[in-house]
């Protein structure tokens, strides 16, 4: 029902002089429906399960948080802002019946590990030095060539336990075999806390920059960043700060930055990229013109388009140093069409990993980008596999024409 309401409101022409109370009168019933539609349990879901499940797969997840530690409930961290970074170390298992892109929530707690995501171990880590030691040890246990870190940054309206399960789902579905680190900022996990969450994401940019520096000093070979929705705001701001500080690529360790459905004003993003400059490893942007969550965000922000729903001038965005993957024509797996990246991300990461293992670092200064236009077309088209309708737009300095992925 929320979906049909959104489609109906999206056809209403808003103009700059529309009264704000009228806009929010339209927005309120949608928010109420969304608030009632969530499947996550109240009070947290991180109760340790000890029941055996030999076929379940466990994932170790390091956590860096700008949230306060929770004093009640089962979430470890709440939605309030901490004065600095705090850390944790968790193990989460994924059931053998897991479906790609889903979170099978534990219910009733502690959950059934044969059918649901469950917590296997939970521990706080006191201080950056102890966190860095754990991260370095995990990287050292991996063979050379695989000592990579993936920093995952969640979006708006996300409780800590949801951030943990979503990060685990991304790691599991993509088959990432390095060390995953969840960066979680102080979202209150409510659709009515947009401004609070936005301010929390802004504050979190310092903590994210600190985390990336810790990772760069821990024996890592490659750092990848995946950000979703409002988490992109903290991410791009952190990268901008790092560039101003004189080390924008974190000692040469920063590789691909994935911006999934970014909730960033398009004009703001352009100004941020002017400071960051063309990244050596192009950013990857997943966007969709029918992302209703970002339509609502743009409405709240004075009817300004958000980057993750902006598909009108893809070439201009691409020439900032961004590979734009337009998913407008692909089928959504959620009613707001805000999580379309989940449809293509596992295959995309798998194919990207194959290219990296072959020595193609996707760096603009290396031979891989002196290929012929035809070679580049096939190479990037294949990165998103057979996803029907997906359109790839490359920076003009790499390729002058957008590419439609074959297949499907």
Protein backbone atom coordinates (compact mmCIF):
# COMPACT_ATOMS: atom_id res chain seq x y z
CA UNK A 1 0.00 0.00 0.00
CA UNK A 2 2.87 2.35 0.79
CA UNK A 3 4.18 1.69 -2.72
CA UNK A 4 0.96 2.73 -4.44
CA UNK A 5 0.71 5.87 -2.33
CA UNK A 6 4.22 6.84 -3.31
CA UNK A 7 3.48 6.34 -6.98
CA UNK A 8 0.42 8.50 -6.65
CA UNK A 9 2.22 11.33 -4.85
CA UNK A 10 5.14 11.17 -7.24
CA UNK A 11 2.81 12.36 -10.00
CA UNK A 12 1.86 15.52 -8.09
CA UNK A 13 3.80 18.52 -9.47
CA UNK A 14 5.44 20.38 -6.58
CA UNK A 15 6.73 23.88 -7.05
CA UNK A 16 9.13 25.90 -4.99
CA UNK A 17 6.36 27.96 -3.41
CA UNK A 18 4.37 24.99 -2.11
CA UNK A 19 3.62 25.39 1.60
CA UNK A 20 5.82 23.16 3.74
CA UNK A 21 2.84 21.97 5.78
CA UNK A 22 1.21 20.73 2.56
CA UNK A 23 4.28 18.71 1.67
CA UNK A 24 4.43 17.12 5.08
CA UNK A 25 0.71 16.44 5.05
CA UNK A 26 1.38 14.28 2.01
CA UNK A 27 4.49 12.79 3.55
CA UNK A 28 3.01 11.81 6.93
CA UNK A 29 0.81 8.87 5.86
CA UNK A 30 3.69 7.37 3.92
CA UNK A 31 5.97 7.62 6.94
CA UNK A 32 3.31 6.06 9.14
CA UNK A 33 2.93 3.13 6.78
CA UNK A 34 6.69 2.69 6.58
CA UNK A 35 6.98 2.78 10.36
CA UNK A 36 4.47 -0.04 10.66
CA UNK A 37 5.99 -2.12 7.90
CA UNK A 38 9.38 -2.94 9.42
CA UNK A 39 10.20 -6.54 10.31
CA UNK A 40 12.98 -5.88 12.78
CA UNK A 41 12.19 -6.71 16.42
CA UNK A 42 11.89 -4.02 19.07
CA UNK A 43 14.64 -3.79 21.68
CA UNK A 44 17.38 -5.50 19.68
CA UNK A 45 18.04 -8.95 18.30
CA UNK A 46 21.61 -9.72 19.34
CA UNK A 47 21.04 -12.49 21.85
CA UNK A 48 23.74 -15.14 21.57
CA UNK A 49 22.47 -18.47 20.23
CA UNK A 50 24.32 -21.64 21.18
CA UNK A 51 22.22 -24.20 19.33
CA UNK A 52 24.31 -26.16 16.81
CA UNK A 53 23.85 -25.65 13.07
CA UNK A 54 26.72 -27.33 11.22
CA UNK A 55 25.63 -25.99 7.82
CA UNK A 56 25.34 -22.36 8.95
CA UNK A 57 28.27 -20.10 7.99
CA UNK A 58 29.80 -17.82 10.61
CA UNK A 59 31.25 -14.41 9.80
CA UNK A 60 33.52 -12.42 12.10
CA UNK A 61 32.70 -8.73 12.03
CA UNK A 62 34.74 -5.94 13.57
CA UNK A 63 32.79 -2.81 14.47
CA UNK A 64 33.72 0.86 14.82
CA UNK A 65 30.89 2.96 16.22
CA UNK A 66 30.08 6.58 16.95
CA UNK A 67 27.10 5.35 19.00
CA UNK A 68 26.77 5.12 22.77
CA UNK A 69 26.91 1.70 24.37
CA UNK A 70 23.45 0.43 25.30
CA UNK A 71 22.75 -0.14 28.98
CA UNK A 72 19.58 -2.15 28.35
CA UNK A 73 18.28 -4.46 25.66
CA UNK A 74 20.10 -6.69 23.20
CA UNK A 75 21.66 -4.19 20.81
CA UNK A 76 25.11 -3.41 22.35
CA UNK A 77 24.88 0.16 21.02
CA UNK A 78 21.90 2.54 20.97
CA UNK A 79 21.05 5.46 18.71
CA UNK A 80 22.64 8.23 20.77
CA UNK A 81 25.90 9.91 19.83
CA UNK A 82 29.17 9.00 21.53
CA UNK A 83 31.97 11.52 22.00
CA UNK A 84 34.44 9.37 20.04
CA UNK A 85 34.94 6.01 18.40
CA UNK A 86 34.03 2.82 20.25
CA UNK A 87 34.67 -0.72 19.04
CA UNK A 88 33.30 -4.25 19.12
CA UNK A 89 33.97 -7.73 17.76
CA UNK A 90 31.07 -9.98 16.76
CA UNK A 91 30.42 -13.31 15.13
CA UNK A 92 27.15 -13.76 13.22
CA UNK A 93 25.99 -16.92 11.50
CA UNK A 94 23.95 -17.10 8.30
CA UNK A 95 21.53 -20.02 7.83
CA UNK A 96 21.92 -22.52 4.98
CA UNK A 97 18.45 -21.54 3.72
CA UNK A 98 19.41 -17.85 3.36
CA UNK A 99 18.14 -16.07 0.25
CA UNK A 100 20.42 -13.53 -1.39
CA UNK A 101 19.59 -9.95 -0.39
CA UNK A 102 17.44 -10.94 2.59
CA UNK A 103 17.90 -10.79 6.35
CA UNK A 104 16.23 -13.74 8.04
CA UNK A 105 15.58 -12.12 11.41
CA UNK A 106 15.81 -14.25 14.57
CA UNK A 107 12.37 -14.79 16.10
CA UNK A 108 11.73 -15.73 18.80
CA UNK A 109 15.08 -14.83 20.30
CA UNK A 110 17.78 -16.02 20.31
CA UNK A 111 16.69 -17.44 16.95
CA UNK A 112 17.16 -20.69 15.10
CA UNK A 113 20.60 -20.79 13.41
CA UNK A 114 19.30 -23.36 10.93
CA UNK A 115 16.79 -20.84 9.59
CA UNK A 116 17.81 -17.35 10.77
CA UNK A 117 20.68 -14.94 11.27
CA UNK A 118 21.89 -15.28 14.87
CA UNK A 119 24.62 -13.83 17.05
CA UNK A 120 27.30 -16.36 18.02
CA UNK A 121 29.58 -14.10 20.07
CA UNK A 122 29.56 -10.45 21.14
CA UNK A 123 32.36 -8.46 22.75
CA UNK A 124 33.28 -4.83 23.21
CA UNK A 125 36.84 -3.82 22.30
CA UNK A 126 38.26 -1.12 24.54
CA UNK A 127 40.18 1.50 22.63
CA UNK A 128 41.64 2.11 19.20
CA UNK A 129 44.93 0.36 20.00
CA UNK A 130 43.19 -2.90 20.91
CA UNK A 131 40.99 -2.65 17.82
CA UNK A 132 44.01 -2.03 15.59
CA UNK A 133 45.76 -5.06 17.11
CA UNK A 134 42.78 -7.31 16.32
CA UNK A 135 42.48 -5.96 12.80
CA UNK A 136 46.20 -6.39 12.15
CA UNK A 137 46.11 -9.98 13.45
CA UNK A 138 43.23 -10.92 11.15
CA UNK A 139 44.91 -9.35 8.15
CA UNK A 140 48.19 -11.12 8.96
CA UNK A 141 46.36 -14.47 9.07
CA UNK A 142 45.40 -14.04 5.41
CA UNK A 143 47.75 -14.87 2.53
CA UNK A 144 49.42 -12.01 0.71
CA UNK A 145 47.20 -10.69 -2.03
CA UNK A 146 44.07 -11.14 0.09
CA UNK A 147 44.84 -8.78 2.96
CA UNK A 148 41.96 -6.44 2.26
CA UNK A 149 39.45 -4.59 4.41
CA UNK A 150 35.87 -3.78 3.43
CA UNK A 151 34.40 -0.89 5.42
CA UNK A 152 30.59 -1.01 5.32
CA UNK A 153 28.63 2.15 6.18
CA UNK A 154 24.87 1.85 6.70
CA UNK A 155 22.17 4.39 5.94
CA UNK A 156 19.26 6.25 7.53
CA UNK A 157 16.78 4.64 9.93
CA UNK A 158 19.06 1.80 10.96
CA UNK A 159 19.36 0.31 14.44
CA UNK A 160 22.66 -1.24 15.48
CA UNK A 161 21.48 -4.83 15.21
CA UNK A 162 20.05 -4.17 11.75
CA UNK A 163 23.36 -2.62 10.70
CA UNK A 164 25.16 -5.75 11.95
CA UNK A 165 22.87 -8.16 10.12
CA UNK A 166 22.90 -6.07 6.91
CA UNK A 167 26.69 -5.89 6.91
CA UNK A 168 26.86 -9.65 7.47
CA UNK A 169 24.41 -10.23 4.63
CA UNK A 170 26.52 -8.10 2.26
CA UNK A 171 29.71 -9.94 3.24
CA UNK A 172 28.03 -13.32 2.87
CA UNK A 173 26.27 -12.64 -0.43
CA UNK A 174 29.30 -11.03 -2.10
CA UNK A 175 31.72 -13.71 -0.90
CA UNK A 176 34.16 -11.11 0.41
CA UNK A 177 37.17 -12.98 1.78
CA UNK A 178 39.09 -10.20 3.50
CA UNK A 179 38.34 -8.56 6.86
CA UNK A 180 34.92 -6.84 7.06
CA UNK A 181 34.49 -3.81 9.32
CA UNK A 182 31.12 -2.22 10.04
CA UNK A 183 31.21 1.52 10.59
CA UNK A 184 28.00 2.38 12.43
CA UNK A 185 26.94 5.92 13.23
CA UNK A 186 24.23 7.14 15.59
CA UNK A 187 20.99 6.52 13.71
CA UNK A 188 17.96 6.32 15.99
CA UNK A 189 16.29 3.80 13.70
CA UNK A 190 13.14 5.83 13.13
CA UNK A 191 11.63 7.33 9.99
CA UNK A 192 10.71 10.40 12.08
CA UNK A 193 14.36 11.17 12.95
CA UNK A 194 15.63 12.23 9.53
CA UNK A 195 17.23 15.49 10.69
CA UNK A 196 18.78 13.86 13.77
CA UNK A 197 20.20 11.07 11.63
CA UNK A 198 21.50 13.54 9.07
CA UNK A 199 23.33 15.48 11.78
CA UNK A 200 24.66 12.23 13.26
CA UNK A 201 26.05 11.22 9.86
CA UNK A 202 27.77 14.61 9.61
CA UNK A 203 29.37 14.20 13.02
CA UNK A 204 30.46 10.67 12.09
CA UNK A 205 32.74 11.80 9.27
CA UNK A 206 35.60 12.33 11.73
CA UNK A 207 35.20 8.82 13.13
CA UNK A 208 35.09 7.27 9.68
CA UNK A 209 38.26 9.08 8.64
CA UNK A 210 39.92 7.83 11.84
CA UNK A 211 38.80 4.26 11.10
CA UNK A 212 40.20 4.39 7.57
CA UNK A 213 43.53 5.63 8.94
CA UNK A 214 43.59 2.82 11.51
CA UNK A 215 42.93 0.31 8.74
CA UNK A 216 45.66 1.80 6.54
CA UNK A 217 48.17 1.35 9.39
CA UNK A 218 47.24 -2.29 10.13
CA UNK A 219 49.09 -4.15 7.39
CA UNK A 220 46.26 -3.89 4.87
CA UNK A 221 46.90 -4.12 1.14
CA UNK A 222 43.57 -2.82 -0.15
CA UNK A 223 40.74 -0.86 1.48
CA UNK A 224 37.27 -0.98 -0.07
CA UNK A 225 34.35 1.15 1.10
CA UNK A 226 30.67 0.33 0.63
CA UNK A 227 28.16 2.98 1.72
CA UNK A 228 24.38 2.98 1.49
CA UNK A 229 21.89 5.85 1.50
CA UNK A 230 22.71 8.50 4.14
CA UNK A 231 25.92 6.65 4.96
CA UNK A 232 27.27 8.09 1.71
CA UNK A 233 27.13 11.56 3.21
CA UNK A 234 29.49 10.57 6.03
CA UNK A 235 31.67 8.67 3.56
CA UNK A 236 32.19 11.38 0.97
CA UNK A 237 32.69 13.99 3.70
CA UNK A 238 35.36 11.79 5.32
CA UNK A 239 37.14 11.38 1.99
CA UNK A 240 36.97 15.13 1.41
CA UNK A 241 38.51 15.77 4.82
CA UNK A 242 41.24 13.23 4.16
CA UNK A 243 42.14 14.95 0.89
CA UNK A 244 42.32 18.33 2.62
CA UNK A 245 44.58 16.76 5.26
CA UNK A 246 46.94 15.66 2.49
CA UNK A 247 46.33 11.90 2.43
CA UNK A 248 43.20 11.34 0.41
CA UNK A 249 44.01 7.76 -0.57
CA UNK A 250 45.17 6.66 2.91
CA UNK A 251 48.72 5.86 2.03
CA UNK A 252 47.76 4.48 -1.37
CA UNK A 253 45.57 1.76 0.19
CA UNK A 254 42.13 3.07 -0.84
CA UNK A 255 40.62 1.20 -3.77
CA UNK A 256 36.99 1.04 -4.93
CA UNK A 257 34.40 3.18 -3.15
CA UNK A 258 30.83 2.00 -3.82
CA UNK A 259 28.07 4.60 -3.40
CA UNK A 260 24.74 2.73 -3.24
CA UNK A 261 21.62 4.91 -3.50
CA UNK A 262 23.45 7.92 -2.01
CA UNK A 263 21.31 10.40 -0.11
CA UNK A 264 23.42 13.40 -1.07
CA UNK A 265 22.36 16.62 -2.76
CA UNK A 266 23.70 16.51 -6.32
CA UNK A 267 25.20 20.01 -6.10
CA UNK A 268 26.85 19.17 -2.79
CA UNK A 269 28.36 16.01 -4.26
CA UNK A 270 29.82 17.97 -7.17
CA UNK A 271 31.40 20.45 -4.78
CA UNK A 272 32.83 17.63 -2.66
CA UNK A 273 34.35 15.96 -5.71
CA UNK A 274 35.99 19.23 -6.71
CA UNK A 275 38.02 18.94 -3.50
CA UNK A 276 38.54 15.16 -3.68
CA UNK A 277 39.52 15.34 -7.34
CA UNK A 278 39.32 12.47 -9.78
CA UNK A 279 40.03 9.37 -7.70
CA UNK A 280 42.77 7.07 -8.96
CA UNK A 281 40.28 4.21 -8.64
CA UNK A 282 36.91 5.43 -9.96
CA UNK A 283 34.01 5.47 -7.54
CA UNK A 284 31.07 3.19 -8.40
CA UNK A 285 27.59 4.70 -8.10
CA UNK A 286 24.38 2.65 -8.03
CA UNK A 287 21.43 4.91 -8.85
CA UNK A 288 17.77 4.54 -9.79
CA UNK A 289 15.29 7.18 -10.88
CA UNK A 290 12.40 5.37 -9.15
CA UNK A 291 14.01 5.34 -5.69
CA UNK A 292 11.04 6.57 -3.65
CA UNK A 293 12.99 6.89 -0.41
CA UNK A 294 15.31 9.38 -2.09
CA UNK A 295 12.34 11.16 -3.63
CA UNK A 296 11.04 11.72 -0.11
CA UNK A 297 14.47 12.86 1.03
CA UNK A 298 14.63 15.36 -1.81
CA UNK A 299 11.19 16.63 -0.88
CA UNK A 300 12.28 17.25 2.71
CA UNK A 301 15.46 18.94 1.46
CA UNK A 302 13.64 21.61 -0.52
CA UNK A 303 12.86 19.52 -3.59
CA UNK A 304 16.51 19.15 -4.50
CA UNK A 305 17.46 15.92 -6.33
CA UNK A 306 19.48 13.29 -4.50
CA UNK A 307 22.48 11.72 -6.19
CA UNK A 308 21.12 8.17 -5.93
CA UNK A 309 17.97 9.08 -7.89
CA UNK A 310 19.56 11.49 -10.33
CA UNK A 311 19.89 9.95 -13.78
CA UNK A 312 19.37 12.98 -16.02
CA UNK A 313 23.01 14.01 -16.46
CA UNK A 314 24.96 10.81 -15.88
CA UNK A 315 27.85 11.87 -18.10
CA UNK A 316 28.57 14.93 -15.94
CA UNK A 317 28.57 12.81 -12.78
CA UNK A 318 30.72 10.16 -14.46
CA UNK A 319 33.33 12.72 -15.48
CA UNK A 320 33.95 13.51 -11.82
CA UNK A 321 35.58 10.08 -11.68
CA UNK A 322 32.52 7.89 -11.13
CA UNK A 323 31.29 4.76 -12.89
CA UNK A 324 27.50 5.25 -12.88
CA UNK A 325 25.35 2.11 -12.88
CA UNK A 326 21.75 3.11 -13.54
CA UNK A 327 19.33 0.49 -12.23
CA UNK A 328 16.13 2.37 -13.12
CA UNK A 329 14.93 -0.40 -15.43
CA UNK A 330 15.74 -3.26 -13.04
CA UNK A 331 13.22 -4.87 -10.72
CA UNK A 332 13.26 -3.76 -7.07
CA UNK A 333 13.13 -6.19 -4.18
CA UNK A 334 11.67 -3.62 -1.76
CA UNK A 335 8.61 -1.38 -2.05
CA UNK A 336 10.63 1.85 -1.91
CA UNK A 337 13.11 0.68 -4.59
CA UNK A 338 15.86 1.87 -2.26
CA UNK A 339 17.78 -1.41 -2.08
CA UNK A 340 18.14 -2.24 -5.76
CA UNK A 341 21.88 -2.53 -5.31
CA UNK A 342 21.22 -5.81 -3.48
CA UNK A 343 20.01 -7.28 -6.78
CA UNK A 344 23.31 -6.76 -8.60
CA UNK A 345 25.92 -6.27 -5.88
CA UNK A 346 26.85 -9.94 -5.28
CA UNK A 347 27.51 -10.58 -8.97
CA UNK A 348 29.20 -7.20 -9.39
CA UNK A 349 31.59 -7.84 -6.50
CA UNK A 350 32.31 -11.37 -7.70
CA UNK A 351 33.24 -10.12 -11.16
CA UNK A 352 35.17 -7.18 -9.77
CA UNK A 353 37.09 -9.60 -7.56
CA UNK A 354 37.99 -11.73 -10.57
CA UNK A 355 39.41 -8.69 -12.32
CA UNK A 356 41.39 -7.62 -9.26
CA UNK A 357 42.84 -11.11 -8.88
CA UNK A 358 44.00 -10.91 -12.50
CA UNK A 359 45.94 -7.78 -11.57
CA UNK A 360 43.55 -5.19 -13.00
CA UNK A 361 43.40 -2.57 -10.22
CA UNK A 362 40.95 -0.32 -12.10
CA UNK A 363 43.40 2.53 -11.69
CA UNK A 364 43.11 5.35 -14.22
CA UNK A 365 46.85 5.55 -14.61
CA UNK A 366 47.43 1.88 -15.43
CA UNK A 367 47.37 -0.01 -18.71
CA UNK A 368 43.85 -1.36 -18.16
CA UNK A 369 42.51 2.07 -19.07
CA UNK A 370 44.56 2.41 -22.23
CA UNK A 371 42.53 -0.37 -23.82
CA UNK A 372 40.41 0.28 -26.87
CA UNK A 373 36.89 1.63 -26.41
CA UNK A 374 35.50 -1.75 -27.41
CA UNK A 375 37.60 -3.49 -24.80
CA UNK A 376 36.42 -1.14 -22.08
CA UNK A 377 32.82 -1.56 -23.17
CA UNK A 378 32.96 -5.31 -22.78
CA UNK A 379 35.01 -5.17 -19.60
CA UNK A 380 32.66 -2.90 -17.64
CA UNK A 381 29.52 -4.27 -19.20
CA UNK A 382 30.47 -7.67 -17.85
CA UNK A 383 30.97 -6.31 -14.34
CA UNK A 384 27.23 -6.33 -13.73
CA UNK A 385 26.60 -9.64 -15.43
CA UNK A 386 23.19 -10.30 -16.93
CA UNK A 387 21.15 -7.76 -14.98
CA UNK A 388 18.42 -6.75 -17.41
CA UNK A 389 18.18 -3.03 -18.14
CA UNK A 390 21.21 -1.89 -16.14
CA UNK A 391 23.11 0.91 -17.89
CA UNK A 392 26.77 1.72 -17.24
CA UNK A 393 28.13 5.20 -17.90
CA UNK A 394 31.90 5.60 -17.81
CA UNK A 395 33.85 8.83 -17.39
CA UNK A 396 34.54 10.44 -20.77
CA UNK A 397 38.27 10.20 -20.20
CA UNK A 398 37.80 6.41 -20.21
CA UNK A 399 34.96 6.00 -22.66
CA UNK A 400 32.72 8.56 -24.30
CA UNK A 401 29.49 6.59 -24.60
CA UNK A 402 27.21 4.90 -22.03
CA UNK A 403 27.09 1.12 -22.15
CA UNK A 404 24.01 -1.10 -21.80
CA UNK A 405 24.82 -4.40 -20.13
CA UNK A 406 24.06 -7.38 -22.29
CA UNK A 407 21.91 -10.31 -21.31
CA UNK A 408 18.80 -10.79 -19.22
